[in-house]
PDB file of N, CA and C in Angstrom:
ATOM      1  N   MET A   1       0.461  -1.440  -0.217  1.00  0.00           N
ATOM      2  CA  MET A   1      -0.013   0.257   0.050  1.00  0.00           C
ATOM      3  C   MET A   1       1.041   1.446   0.113  1.00  0.00           C
ATOM      4  N   LYS A   2       0.238   1.941  -0.972  1.00  0.00           N
ATOM      5  CA  LYS A   2       1.420   3.142  -0.873  1.00  0.00           C
ATOM      6  C   LYS A   2       0.685   4.402  -0.102  1.00  0.00           C
ATOM      7  N   LYS A   3       1.823   4.988   0.700  1.00  0.00           N
ATOM      8  CA  LYS A   3       1.575   6.227   1.873  1.00  0.00           C
ATOM      9  C   LYS A   3       2.218   7.046   1.542  1.00  0.00           C
ATOM     10  N   ILE A   4       1.972   8.480   1.227  1.00  0.00           N
ATOM     11  CA  ILE A   4       2.516   9.978   1.452  1.00  0.00           C
ATOM     12  C   ILE A   4       3.109  10.223   2.433  1.00  0.00           C
ATOM     13  N   ILE A   5       4.250  10.289   2.532  1.00  0.00           N
ATOM     14  CA  ILE A   5       5.312  10.839   3.433  1.00  0.00           C
ATOM     15  C   ILE A   5       5.199  12.958   3.375  1.00  0.00           C
ATOM     16  N   ARG A   6       4.892  13.262   4.355  1.00  0.00           N
ATOM     17  CA  ARG A   6       4.640  14.511   4.076  1.00  0.00           C
ATOM     18  C   ARG A   6       5.417  15.462   5.525  1.00  0.00           C
ATOM     19  N   THR A   7       6.351  16.069   5.554  1.00  0.00           N
ATOM     20  CA  THR A   7       6.421  17.190   7.252  1.00  0.00           C
ATOM     21  C   THR A   7       7.149  18.579   6.468  1.00  0.00           C
ATOM     22  N   ASP A   8       6.449  19.009   7.810  1.00  0.00           N
ATOM     23  CA  ASP A   8       6.628  20.839   7.624  1.00  0.00           C
ATOM     24  C   ASP A   8       8.391  21.019   7.681  1.00  0.00           C
ATOM     25  N   LYS A   9       9.161  20.085   7.714  1.00  0.00           N
ATOM     26  CA  LYS A   9      10.144  20.275   8.398  1.00  0.00           C
ATOM     27  C   LYS A   9      11.315  20.176   7.417  1.00  0.00           C
ATOM     28  N   ALA A  10      11.093  19.839   6.109  1.00  0.00           N
ATOM     29  CA  ALA A  10      11.199  20.142   4.296  1.00  0.00           C
ATOM     30  C   ALA A  10       9.903  21.359   3.523  1.00  0.00           C
ATOM     31  N   PRO A  11      10.651  21.901   2.784  1.00  0.00           N
ATOM     32  CA  PRO A  11      10.251  22.950   2.194  1.00  0.00           C
ATOM     33  C   PRO A  11       9.153  22.075   1.478  1.00  0.00           C
ATOM     34  N   ALA A  12       8.046  22.634   1.381  1.00  0.00           N
ATOM     35  CA  ALA A  12       6.693  21.884   0.970  1.00  0.00           C
ATOM     36  C   ALA A  12       7.083  22.277  -0.901  1.00  0.00           C
ATOM     37  N   PRO A  13       6.866  20.871  -1.487  1.00  0.00           N
ATOM     38  CA  PRO A  13       6.789  20.745  -2.121  1.00  0.00           C
ATOM     39  C   PRO A  13       6.266  21.590  -3.890  1.00  0.00           C
ATOM     40  N   GLY A  14       7.118  22.372  -4.808  1.00  0.00           N
ATOM     41  CA  GLY A  14       7.243  23.977  -5.843  1.00  0.00           C
ATOM     42  C   GLY A  14       6.035  23.104  -6.616  1.00  0.00           C
ATOM     43  N   GLY A  15       5.657  21.917  -7.324  1.00  0.00           N
ATOM     44  CA  GLY A  15       4.523  21.912  -7.728  1.00  0.00           C
ATOM     45  C   GLY A  15       3.747  20.238  -7.739  1.00  0.00           C
ATOM     46  N   ALA A  16       3.513  19.776  -8.907  1.00  0.00           N
ATOM     47  CA  ALA A  16       2.285  18.379  -8.532  1.00  0.00           C
ATOM     48  C   ALA A  16       3.068  17.269  -8.275  1.00  0.00           C
ATOM     49  N   TYR A  17       3.629  16.904  -6.806  1.00  0.00           N
ATOM     50  CA  TYR A  17       4.391  16.063  -6.629  1.00  0.00           C
ATOM     51  C   TYR A  17       4.570  15.802  -5.158  1.00  0.00           C
ATOM     52  N   SER A  18       4.739  15.214  -4.166  1.00  0.00           N
ATOM     53  CA  SER A  18       5.116  15.066  -2.839  1.00  0.00           C
ATOM     54  C   SER A  18       6.173  14.800  -2.511  1.00  0.00           C
ATOM     55  N   GLN A  19       6.431  14.648  -0.865  1.00  0.00           N
ATOM     56  CA  GLN A  19       7.556  14.500  -0.630  1.00  0.00           C
ATOM     57  C   GLN A  19       8.524  13.444  -0.706  1.00  0.00           C
ATOM     58  N   ALA A  20       7.944  12.439  -0.056  1.00  0.00           N
ATOM     59  CA  ALA A  20       8.178  11.263  -0.696  1.00  0.00           C
ATOM     60  C   ALA A  20       7.269  10.136  -0.569  1.00  0.00           C
ATOM     61  N   ILE A  21       7.767   9.137  -0.778  1.00  0.00           N
ATOM     62  CA  ILE A  21       6.353   8.517  -1.446  1.00  0.00           C
ATOM     63  C   ILE A  21       6.611   6.281  -0.315  1.00  0.00           C
ATOM     64  N   ARG A  22       6.474   5.561   0.478  1.00  0.00           N
ATOM     65  CA  ARG A  22       6.549   4.919   0.867  1.00  0.00           C
ATOM     66  C   ARG A  22       5.585   3.948   0.224  1.00  0.00           C
ATOM     67  N   ILE A  23       6.183   2.610   0.077  1.00  0.00           N
ATOM     68  CA  ILE A  23       5.912   1.584  -1.159  1.00  0.00           C
ATOM     69  C   ILE A  23       5.998   0.170  -0.194  1.00  0.00           C
ATOM     70  N   GLY A  24       5.914  -0.459   1.193  1.00  0.00           N
ATOM     71  CA  GLY A  24       6.151  -1.615   1.699  1.00  0.00           C
ATOM     72  C   GLY A  24       7.259  -1.491   2.288  1.00  0.00           C
ATOM     73  N   ASN A  25       8.893  -1.961   1.969  1.00  0.00           N
ATOM     74  CA  ASN A  25       9.655  -1.324   2.660  1.00  0.00           C
ATOM     75  C   ASN A  25      10.456  -0.709   2.054  1.00  0.00           C
ATOM     76  N   MET A  26       9.819   0.520   0.710  1.00  0.00           N
ATOM     77  CA  MET A  26      10.949   1.122  -0.042  1.00  0.00           C
ATOM     78  C   MET A  26      10.253   2.509   0.128  1.00  0.00           C
ATOM     79  N   LEU A  27      11.093   3.168   0.012  1.00  0.00           N
ATOM     80  CA  LEU A  27      11.263   5.185   0.217  1.00  0.00           C
ATOM     81  C   LEU A  27      11.338   5.328  -0.794  1.00  0.00           C
ATOM     82  N   TYR A  28      11.034   6.427  -1.847  1.00  0.00           N
ATOM     83  CA  TYR A  28      11.066   6.785  -2.915  1.00  0.00           C
ATOM     84  C   TYR A  28      10.854   8.437  -1.731  1.00  0.00           C
ATOM     85  N   THR A  29      12.142  10.033  -2.450  1.00  0.00           N
ATOM     86  CA  THR A  29      11.953  10.993  -2.520  1.00  0.00           C
ATOM     87  C   THR A  29      11.824  11.794  -3.607  1.00  0.00           C
ATOM     88  N   ALA A  30      11.226  13.036  -3.293  1.00  0.00           N
ATOM     89  CA  ALA A  30      11.234  13.628  -4.851  1.00  0.00           C
ATOM     90  C   ALA A  30      12.726  14.675  -4.840  1.00  0.00           C
ATOM     91  N   GLY A  31      12.975  14.803  -5.419  1.00  0.00           N
ATOM     92  CA  GLY A  31      14.296  16.336  -5.597  1.00  0.00           C
ATOM     93  C   GLY A  31      14.061  16.808  -4.905  1.00  0.00           C
ATOM     94  N   MET A  32      15.084  17.297  -4.531  1.00  0.00           N
ATOM     95  CA  MET A  32      15.136  18.336  -3.968  1.00  0.00           C
ATOM     96  C   MET A  32      16.264  19.157  -3.636  1.00  0.00           C
ATOM     97  N   GLY A  33      16.109  20.428  -3.421  1.00  0.00           N
ATOM     98  CA  GLY A  33      17.174  21.704  -3.143  1.00  0.00           C
ATOM     99  C   GLY A  33      17.644  22.432  -1.924  1.00  0.00           C
ATOM    100  N   PRO A  34      18.276  22.727  -2.121  1.00  0.00           N
ATOM    101  CA  PRO A  34      18.999  23.821  -1.167  1.00  0.00           C
ATOM    102  C   PRO A  34      17.553  25.163  -0.935  1.00  0.00           C
ATOM    103  N   ILE A  35      16.519  24.467  -0.022  1.00  0.00           N
ATOM    104  CA  ILE A  35      15.208  25.156   0.157  1.00  0.00           C
ATOM    105  C   ILE A  35      15.194  25.838   1.837  1.00  0.00           C
ATOM    106  N   ASP A  36      14.768  26.643   2.054  1.00  0.00           N
ATOM    107  CA  ASP A  36      14.666  26.222   3.371  1.00  0.00           C
ATOM    108  C   ASP A  36      13.196  26.203   3.939  1.00  0.00           C
ATOM    109  N   PRO A  37      12.764  25.382   4.923  1.00  0.00           N
ATOM    110  CA  PRO A  37      11.570  25.023   4.846  1.00  0.00           C
ATOM    111  C   PRO A  37      10.666  25.839   5.008  1.00  0.00           C
ATOM    112  N   LYS A  38      11.267  26.760   6.505  1.00  0.00           N
ATOM    113  CA  LYS A  38      10.453  28.562   7.117  1.00  0.00           C
ATOM    114  C   LYS A  38      10.184  29.501   5.829  1.00  0.00           C
ATOM    115  N   THR A  39      11.040  29.505   4.944  1.00  0.00           N
ATOM    116  CA  THR A  39      10.781  31.138   4.059  1.00  0.00           C
ATOM    117  C   THR A  39      10.875  30.733   2.988  1.00  0.00           C
ATOM    118  N   GLN A  40      10.857  29.106   2.258  1.00  0.00           N
ATOM    119  CA  GLN A  40      10.912  29.023   1.438  1.00  0.00           C
ATOM    120  C   GLN A  40      11.747  29.923   0.207  1.00  0.00           C
ATOM    121  N   GLU A  41      13.093  30.021   1.027  1.00  0.00           N
ATOM    122  CA  GLU A  41      13.895  30.905  -0.153  1.00  0.00           C
ATOM    123  C   GLU A  41      15.738  29.875   0.004  1.00  0.00           C
ATOM    124  N   ILE A  42      16.194  30.242  -1.102  1.00  0.00           N
ATOM    125  CA  ILE A  42      16.896  28.947  -1.446  1.00  0.00           C
ATOM    126  C   ILE A  42      18.371  29.156   0.244  1.00  0.00           C
ATOM    127  N   VAL A  43      19.066  28.912   0.147  1.00  0.00           N
ATOM    128  CA  VAL A  43      19.872  28.346   1.385  1.00  0.00           C
ATOM    129  C   VAL A  43      21.323  28.514   1.189  1.00  0.00           C
ATOM    130  N   GLY A  44      22.487  29.586   0.713  1.00  0.00           N
ATOM    131  CA  GLY A  44      23.467  29.952   0.713  1.00  0.00           C
ATOM    132  C   GLY A  44      23.862  30.212  -1.417  1.00  0.00           C
ATOM    133  N   SER A  45      25.119  30.248  -1.405  1.00  0.00           N
ATOM    134  CA  SER A  45      25.715  30.597  -2.874  1.00  0.00           C
ATOM    135  C   SER A  45      26.221  29.807  -2.958  1.00  0.00           C
ATOM    136  N   ALA A  46      27.511  29.121  -2.233  1.00  0.00           N
ATOM    137  CA  ALA A  46      28.240  27.696  -2.707  1.00  0.00           C
ATOM    138  C   ALA A  46      27.895  26.378  -2.117  1.00  0.00           C
ATOM    139  N   VAL A  47      28.562  25.383  -2.942  1.00  0.00           N
ATOM    140  CA  VAL A  47      27.710  23.969  -3.700  1.00  0.00           C
ATOM    141  C   VAL A  47      27.935  23.310  -2.478  1.00  0.00           C
ATOM    142  N   GLU A  48      28.679  23.944  -0.928  1.00  0.00           N
ATOM    143  CA  GLU A  48      29.195  23.136   0.319  1.00  0.00           C
ATOM    144  C   GLU A  48      27.515  23.367   1.046  1.00  0.00           C
ATOM    145  N   GLU A  49      26.880  24.148   1.596  1.00  0.00           N
ATOM    146  CA  GLU A  49      26.017  24.743   1.479  1.00  0.00           C
ATOM    147  C   GLU A  49      24.836  24.517   1.203  1.00  0.00           C
ATOM    148  N   GLN A  50      24.684  25.299  -0.066  1.00  0.00           N
ATOM    149  CA  GLN A  50      23.488  24.251  -0.637  1.00  0.00           C
ATOM    150  C   GLN A  50      23.198  22.684  -0.486  1.00  0.00           C
ATOM    151  N   THR A  51      24.867  21.837  -0.449  1.00  0.00           N
ATOM    152  CA  THR A  51      24.461  20.357  -0.470  1.00  0.00           C
ATOM    153  C   THR A  51      23.689  20.226   1.437  1.00  0.00           C
ATOM    154  N   ARG A  52      24.598  21.096   1.935  1.00  0.00           N
ATOM    155  CA  ARG A  52      23.982  20.806   3.807  1.00  0.00           C
ATOM    156  C   ARG A  52      22.966  20.900   3.652  1.00  0.00           C
ATOM    157  N   GLN A  53      21.697  22.126   2.990  1.00  0.00           N
ATOM    158  CA  GLN A  53      20.566  21.914   3.478  1.00  0.00           C
ATOM    159  C   GLN A  53      19.332  20.822   2.622  1.00  0.00           C
ATOM    160  N   THR A  54      20.282  21.365   1.461  1.00  0.00           N
ATOM    161  CA  THR A  54      19.585  19.903   0.534  1.00  0.00           C
ATOM    162  C   THR A  54      19.600  18.282   2.111  1.00  0.00           C
ATOM    163  N   LEU A  55      20.506  18.252   1.912  1.00  0.00           N
ATOM    164  CA  LEU A  55      20.079  17.045   2.819  1.00  0.00           C
ATOM    165  C   LEU A  55      19.729  16.449   4.003  1.00  0.00           C
ATOM    166  N   THR A  56      19.647  18.137   4.398  1.00  0.00           N
ATOM    167  CA  THR A  56      19.179  18.232   6.062  1.00  0.00           C
ATOM    168  C   THR A  56      17.389  17.770   5.416  1.00  0.00           C
ATOM    169  N   ASN A  57      17.389  18.859   4.079  1.00  0.00           N
ATOM    170  CA  ASN A  57      15.503  18.377   4.247  1.00  0.00           C
ATOM    171  C   ASN A  57      15.063  17.158   3.833  1.00  0.00           C
ATOM    172  N   LEU A  58      16.479  16.418   3.044  1.00  0.00           N
ATOM    173  CA  LEU A  58      15.752  14.966   2.712  1.00  0.00           C
ATOM    174  C   LEU A  58      16.124  14.146   4.231  1.00  0.00           C
ATOM    175  N   LYS A  59      17.404  14.654   5.211  1.00  0.00           N
ATOM    176  CA  LYS A  59      17.230  13.969   6.559  1.00  0.00           C
ATOM    177  C   LYS A  59      15.154  13.939   7.015  1.00  0.00           C
ATOM    178  N   ALA A  60      15.092  15.038   7.440  1.00  0.00           N
ATOM    179  CA  ALA A  60      14.308  15.058   8.159  1.00  0.00           C
ATOM    180  C   ALA A  60      12.468  14.453   7.042  1.00  0.00           C
ATOM    181  N   VAL A  61      12.869  14.227   5.617  1.00  0.00           N
ATOM    182  CA  VAL A  61      11.840  13.700   5.072  1.00  0.00           C
ATOM    183  C   VAL A  61      11.939  12.216   5.399  1.00  0.00           C
ATOM    184  N   ILE A  62      13.187  11.283   5.312  1.00  0.00           N
ATOM    185  CA  ILE A  62      13.859  10.179   5.476  1.00  0.00           C
ATOM    186  C   ILE A  62      13.095   9.594   7.398  1.00  0.00           C
ATOM    187  N   GLU A  63      13.384  10.677   8.216  1.00  0.00           N
ATOM    188  CA  GLU A  63      13.232  10.189   9.209  1.00  0.00           C
ATOM    189  C   GLU A  63      11.861  10.885   9.517  1.00  0.00           C
ATOM    190  N   GLU A  64      10.555  11.302   8.837  1.00  0.00           N
ATOM    191  CA  GLU A  64       9.625  11.327   9.008  1.00  0.00           C
ATOM    192  C   GLU A  64       8.845   9.840   8.621  1.00  0.00           C
ATOM    193  N   ALA A  65       9.528   9.269   7.811  1.00  0.00           N
ATOM    194  CA  ALA A  65       9.397   8.075   7.378  1.00  0.00           C
ATOM    195  C   ALA A  65       9.487   7.274   8.749  1.00  0.00           C
ATOM    196  N   GLY A  66       9.918   7.680   9.527  1.00  0.00           N
ATOM    197  CA  GLY A  66      10.393   6.745  10.484  1.00  0.00           C
ATOM    198  C   GLY A  66      12.422   5.863  10.123  1.00  0.00           C
ATOM    199  N   LEU A  67      12.811   5.973   8.976  1.00  0.00           N
ATOM    200  CA  LEU A  67      14.160   5.991   9.167  1.00  0.00           C
ATOM    201  C   LEU A  67      15.409   6.884   9.476  1.00  0.00           C
ATOM    202  N   THR A  68      16.171   6.417   9.006  1.00  0.00           N
ATOM    203  CA  THR A  68      17.863   7.395   9.461  1.00  0.00           C
ATOM    204  C   THR A  68      18.104   7.017   7.542  1.00  0.00           C
ATOM    205  N   MET A  69      18.943   8.472   7.733  1.00  0.00           N
ATOM    206  CA  MET A  69      20.401   7.823   6.712  1.00  0.00           C
ATOM    207  C   MET A  69      21.088   7.110   6.432  1.00  0.00           C
ATOM    208  N   GLN A  70      21.410   5.566   7.027  1.00  0.00           N
ATOM    209  CA  GLN A  70      21.761   4.851   6.943  1.00  0.00           C
ATOM    210  C   GLN A  70      20.979   3.796   6.143  1.00  0.00           C
ATOM    211  N   SER A  71      19.483   4.384   6.426  1.00  0.00           N
ATOM    212  CA  SER A  71      18.479   3.257   5.561  1.00  0.00           C
ATOM    213  C   SER A  71      18.820   3.529   3.888  1.00  0.00           C
ATOM    214  N   VAL A  72      18.975   4.374   3.505  1.00  0.00           N
ATOM    215  CA  VAL A  72      19.938   4.824   2.449  1.00  0.00           C
ATOM    216  C   VAL A  72      20.492   4.255   1.456  1.00  0.00           C
ATOM    217  N   VAL A  73      19.543   3.232  -0.002  1.00  0.00           N
ATOM    218  CA  VAL A  73      20.541   2.900  -0.183  1.00  0.00           C
ATOM    219  C   VAL A  73      20.773   3.095  -1.929  1.00  0.00           C
ATOM    220  N   LYS A  74      20.601   4.927  -2.475  1.00  0.00           N
ATOM    221  CA  LYS A  74      21.035   4.656  -4.257  1.00  0.00           C
ATOM    222  C   LYS A  74      20.180   6.291  -3.880  1.00  0.00           C
ATOM    223  N   SER A  75      20.988   7.138  -4.157  1.00  0.00           N
ATOM    224  CA  SER A  75      20.878   8.740  -4.177  1.00  0.00           C
ATOM    225  C   SER A  75      21.147   9.215  -5.605  1.00  0.00           C
ATOM    226  N   THR A  76      20.896   9.958  -6.458  1.00  0.00           N
ATOM    227  CA  THR A  76      20.825  10.493  -7.728  1.00  0.00           C
ATOM    228  C   THR A  76      21.342  12.379  -7.255  1.00  0.00           C
ATOM    229  N   VAL A  77      21.832  12.322  -8.182  1.00  0.00           N
ATOM    230  CA  VAL A  77      22.842  13.719  -7.112  1.00  0.00           C
ATOM    231  C   VAL A  77      23.286  14.493  -9.295  1.00  0.00           C
ATOM    232  N   TYR A  78      22.352  15.685  -8.564  1.00  0.00           N
ATOM    233  CA  TYR A  78      22.527  16.874 -10.367  1.00  0.00           C
ATOM    234  C   TYR A  78      23.451  17.820  -9.850  1.00  0.00           C
ATOM    235  N   LEU A  79      24.251  18.162 -10.369  1.00  0.00           N
ATOM    236  CA  LEU A  79      25.333  19.304 -10.039  1.00  0.00           C
ATOM    237  C   LEU A  79      25.436  20.206 -11.060  1.00  0.00           C
ATOM    238  N   GLU A  80      24.746  21.567 -11.106  1.00  0.00           N
ATOM    239  CA  GLU A  80      24.666  22.779 -12.220  1.00  0.00           C
ATOM    240  C   GLU A  80      26.065  22.561 -12.589  1.00  0.00           C
ATOM    241  N   GLU A  81      27.185  22.748 -11.607  1.00  0.00           N
ATOM    242  CA  GLU A  81      28.217  22.653 -11.988  1.00  0.00           C
ATOM    243  C   GLU A  81      29.559  21.173 -12.032  1.00  0.00           C
ATOM    244  N   LEU A  82      28.859  20.843 -12.399  1.00  0.00           N
ATOM    245  CA  LEU A  82      29.587  19.526 -11.828  1.00  0.00           C
ATOM    246  C   LEU A  82      31.123  18.862 -11.560  1.00  0.00           C
ATOM    247  N   ASP A  83      31.743  19.807 -12.716  1.00  0.00           N
ATOM    248  CA  ASP A  83      33.154  19.721 -12.926  1.00  0.00           C
ATOM    249  C   ASP A  83      33.529  20.951 -11.190  1.00  0.00           C
ATOM    250  N   ARG A  84      33.428  22.333 -11.422  1.00  0.00           N
ATOM    251  CA  ARG A  84      33.831  23.262 -10.923  1.00  0.00           C
ATOM    252  C   ARG A  84      32.928  22.545  -9.072  1.00  0.00           C
ATOM    253  N   ASP A  85      31.663  21.465  -9.194  1.00  0.00           N
ATOM    254  CA  ASP A  85      31.621  21.651  -7.443  1.00  0.00           C
ATOM    255  C   ASP A  85      31.374  20.110  -6.641  1.00  0.00           C
ATOM    256  N   PHE A  86      32.033  19.340  -7.774  1.00  0.00           N
ATOM    257  CA  PHE A  86      31.941  18.055  -7.048  1.00  0.00           C
ATOM    258  C   PHE A  86      32.548  17.906  -5.617  1.00  0.00           C
ATOM    259  N   ALA A  87      34.165  18.351  -6.209  1.00  0.00           N
ATOM    260  CA  ALA A  87      34.775  17.640  -4.672  1.00  0.00           C
ATOM    261  C   ALA A  87      34.084  18.440  -3.336  1.00  0.00           C
ATOM    262  N   GLY A  88      33.233  20.073  -3.564  1.00  0.00           N
ATOM    263  CA  GLY A  88      33.103  20.214  -2.834  1.00  0.00           C
ATOM    264  C   GLY A  88      30.989  19.614  -1.717  1.00  0.00           C
ATOM    265  N   PHE A  89      30.961  19.236  -3.354  1.00  0.00           N
ATOM    266  CA  PHE A  89      29.312  18.504  -3.017  1.00  0.00           C
ATOM    267  C   PHE A  89      30.130  17.735  -2.088  1.00  0.00           C
ATOM    268  N   ASN A  90      31.127  16.647  -2.429  1.00  0.00           N
ATOM    269  CA  ASN A  90      31.394  14.917  -1.955  1.00  0.00           C
ATOM    270  C   ASN A  90      31.917  15.241  -0.589  1.00  0.00           C
ATOM    271  N   LYS A  91      32.323  15.988  -0.006  1.00  0.00           N
ATOM    272  CA  LYS A  91      32.842  16.550   0.995  1.00  0.00           C
ATOM    273  C   LYS A  91      32.067  16.594   1.725  1.00  0.00           C
ATOM    274  N   VAL A  92      30.429  17.130   1.166  1.00  0.00           N
ATOM    275  CA  VAL A  92      29.514  17.689   2.328  1.00  0.00           C
ATOM    276  C   VAL A  92      28.857  16.337   2.368  1.00  0.00           C
ATOM    277  N   TYR A  93      28.657  15.884   1.143  1.00  0.00           N
ATOM    278  CA  TYR A  93      27.849  15.059   1.340  1.00  0.00           C
ATOM    279  C   TYR A  93      28.318  13.351   2.307  1.00  0.00           C
ATOM    280  N   SER A  94      29.426  13.130   1.737  1.00  0.00           N
ATOM    281  CA  SER A  94      30.605  12.177   2.813  1.00  0.00           C
ATOM    282  C   SER A  94      29.954  12.531   5.030  1.00  0.00           C
ATOM    283  N   GLU A  95      29.751  13.181   4.603  1.00  0.00           N
ATOM    284  CA  GLU A  95      29.394  14.104   6.432  1.00  0.00           C
ATOM    285  C   GLU A  95      28.019  13.794   6.978  1.00  0.00           C
ATOM    286  N   PHE A  96      27.358  13.032   5.789  1.00  0.00           N
ATOM    287  CA  PHE A  96      26.168  12.358   6.254  1.00  0.00           C
ATOM    288  C   PHE A  96      26.005  11.242   5.595  1.00  0.00           C
ATOM    289  N   PHE A  97      26.393  11.254   4.917  1.00  0.00           N
ATOM    290  CA  PHE A  97      27.055   9.084   4.934  1.00  0.00           C
ATOM    291  C   PHE A  97      27.958   9.006   5.211  1.00  0.00           C
ATOM    292  N   PRO A  98      28.735   8.624   6.668  1.00  0.00           N
ATOM    293  CA  PRO A  98      30.414   8.515   7.383  1.00  0.00           C
ATOM    294  C   PRO A  98      31.135   6.896   6.509  1.00  0.00           C
ATOM    295  N   ASP A  99      29.396   6.615   6.978  1.00  0.00           N
ATOM    296  CA  ASP A  99      29.993   4.618   6.901  1.00  0.00           C
ATOM    297  C   ASP A  99      28.931   4.506   6.099  1.00  0.00           C
ATOM    298  N   ASP A 100      28.781   2.791   5.166  1.00  0.00           N
ATOM    299  CA  ASP A 100      28.156   2.365   4.484  1.00  0.00           C
ATOM    300  C   ASP A 100      27.212   3.238   3.283  1.00  0.00           C
ATOM    301  N   LYS A 101      27.729   3.673   2.310  1.00  0.00           N
ATOM    302  CA  LYS A 101      27.516   4.667   1.121  1.00  0.00           C
ATOM    303  C   LYS A 101      26.712   4.069   0.534  1.00  0.00           C
ATOM    304  N   PRO A 102      25.446   5.028   0.495  1.00  0.00           N
ATOM    305  CA  PRO A 102      24.131   4.251  -0.707  1.00  0.00           C
ATOM    306  C   PRO A 102      25.169   4.334  -2.119  1.00  0.00           C
ATOM    307  N   VAL A 103      25.451   3.773  -2.688  1.00  0.00           N
ATOM    308  CA  VAL A 103      25.418   3.787  -4.602  1.00  0.00           C
ATOM    309  C   VAL A 103      24.160   5.157  -4.760  1.00  0.00           C
ATOM    310  N   ARG A 104      25.554   5.470  -5.987  1.00  0.00           N
ATOM    311  CA  ARG A 104      24.995   7.078  -6.145  1.00  0.00           C
ATOM    312  C   ARG A 104      25.404   7.191  -7.532  1.00  0.00           C
ATOM    313  N   THR A 105      24.960   7.599  -8.485  1.00  0.00           N
ATOM    314  CA  THR A 105      24.958   8.700  -9.476  1.00  0.00           C
ATOM    315  C   THR A 105      24.775  10.035  -9.782  1.00  0.00           C
ATOM    316  N   THR A 106      26.143  10.742 -10.168  1.00  0.00           N
ATOM    317  CA  THR A 106      25.861  11.706 -10.041  1.00  0.00           C
ATOM    318  C   THR A 106      26.240  12.838 -11.553  1.00  0.00           C
ATOM    319  N   VAL A 107      25.209  13.565 -11.790  1.00  0.00           N
ATOM    320  CA  VAL A 107      24.977  13.947 -13.115  1.00  0.00           C
ATOM    321  C   VAL A 107      25.303  15.586 -13.782  1.00  0.00           C
ATOM    322  N   GLY A 108      25.738  16.038 -14.562  1.00  0.00           N
ATOM    323  CA  GLY A 108      25.861  17.199 -14.405  1.00  0.00           C
ATOM    324  C   GLY A 108      24.530  17.743 -15.087  1.00  0.00           C
ATOM    325  N   ALA A 109      23.696  18.840 -14.483  1.00  0.00           N
ATOM    326  CA  ALA A 109      22.024  19.331 -15.175  1.00  0.00           C
ATOM    327  C   ALA A 109      21.854  20.952 -15.131  1.00  0.00           C
ATOM    328  N   HIS A 110      20.680  21.918 -15.738  1.00  0.00           N
ATOM    329  CA  HIS A 110      21.069  22.842 -15.538  1.00  0.00           C
ATOM    330  C   HIS A 110      19.409  22.734 -14.905  1.00  0.00           C
ATOM    331  N   LEU A 111      19.951  23.386 -13.848  1.00  0.00           N
ATOM    332  CA  LEU A 111      18.728  23.415 -12.743  1.00  0.00           C
ATOM    333  C   LEU A 111      18.350  24.680 -12.621  1.00  0.00           C
ATOM    334  N   LYS A 112      17.247  25.269 -11.791  1.00  0.00           N
ATOM    335  CA  LYS A 112      16.483  26.164 -11.805  1.00  0.00           C
ATOM    336  C   LYS A 112      17.259  27.661 -10.269  1.00  0.00           C
ATOM    337  N   ASN A 113      18.399  28.170 -11.154  1.00  0.00           N
ATOM    338  CA  ASN A 113      19.090  28.667  -9.664  1.00  0.00           C
ATOM    339  C   ASN A 113      19.084  28.051  -8.438  1.00  0.00           C
ATOM    340  N   ILE A 114      19.461  26.714  -8.505  1.00  0.00           N
ATOM    341  CA  ILE A 114      20.207  26.278  -7.843  1.00  0.00           C
ATOM    342  C   ILE A 114      21.972  25.809  -8.578  1.00  0.00           C
ATOM    343  N   LEU A 115      22.411  25.045  -7.227  1.00  0.00           N
ATOM    344  CA  LEU A 115      23.977  24.391  -7.135  1.00  0.00           C
ATOM    345  C   LEU A 115      23.799  23.004  -7.431  1.00  0.00           C
ATOM    346  N   VAL A 116      22.172  22.138  -6.834  1.00  0.00           N
ATOM    347  CA  VAL A 116      22.097  20.972  -6.197  1.00  0.00           C
ATOM    348  C   VAL A 116      21.211  21.186  -6.040  1.00  0.00           C
ATOM    349  N   GLU A 117      20.396  19.444  -6.671  1.00  0.00           N
ATOM    350  CA  GLU A 117      19.436  18.597  -6.659  1.00  0.00           C
ATOM    351  C   GLU A 117      19.074  16.880  -6.039  1.00  0.00           C
ATOM    352  N   ILE A 118      19.518  16.414  -5.422  1.00  0.00           N
ATOM    353  CA  ILE A 118      18.946  15.048  -4.764  1.00  0.00           C
ATOM    354  C   ILE A 118      18.139  14.486  -4.702  1.00  0.00           C
ATOM    355  N   ASP A 119      17.232  13.398  -4.809  1.00  0.00           N
ATOM    356  CA  ASP A 119      16.356  12.000  -4.734  1.00  0.00           C
ATOM    357  C   ASP A 119      17.075  11.067  -4.050  1.00  0.00           C
ATOM    358  N   LEU A 120      16.610  10.623  -2.949  1.00  0.00           N
ATOM    359  CA  LEU A 120      16.677   9.488  -2.067  1.00  0.00           C
ATOM    360  C   LEU A 120      15.856   8.312  -2.570  1.00  0.00           C
ATOM    361  N   VAL A 121      16.883   6.888  -2.558  1.00  0.00           N
ATOM    362  CA  VAL A 121      15.729   5.444  -2.115  1.00  0.00           C
ATOM    363  C   VAL A 121      16.468   5.087  -0.935  1.00  0.00           C
ATOM    364  N   ALA A 122      15.161   4.467  -0.098  1.00  0.00           N
ATOM    365  CA  ALA A 122      15.620   4.416   1.626  1.00  0.00           C
ATOM    366  C   ALA A 122      14.853   3.006   1.798  1.00  0.00           C
ATOM    367  N   VAL A 123      15.414   2.038   1.896  1.00  0.00           N
ATOM    368  CA  VAL A 123      14.611   0.806   2.639  1.00  0.00           C
ATOM    369  C   VAL A 123      14.899   0.058   2.930  1.00  0.00           C
ATOM    370  N   THR A 124      13.946  -0.142   4.068  1.00  0.00           N
ATOM    371  CA  THR A 124      13.960  -0.728   5.807  1.00  0.00           C
ATOM    372  C   THR A 124      14.682  -2.523   5.740  1.00  0.00           C
ATOM    373  N   GLU A 125      14.930  -2.851   6.606  1.00  0.00           N
ATOM    374  CA  GLU A 125      15.298  -4.609   7.081  1.00  0.00           C
ATOM    375  C   GLU A 125      14.356  -4.849   7.365  1.00  0.00           C
TER     376      GLU A 125
END
């Protein structure tokens, strides 16, 4: 059975989509960016700041579903400036996933006024 996950600790969807959906033991998040959930404004101008806010938003959704970041098995990352920002992004990303890192795809993409967008897939044991 499909369950919609919603929390005020992450930005409200900016379109016709949910923050996350849980089906059985799988959780799929929407792509999220560096938006402050209270102000709905972009946080930071550097990729490190934006990555930290993005992952903080995703962590709030994961936790609302009763999981932890260690439950994440897959991430898809979009960087506006892949060559320039990969190292800074990767440093902050590693803070959120210090051990047993999920598999990841990282690609360059044209993003609307942000430097990073990430979506996650998590599983319960």
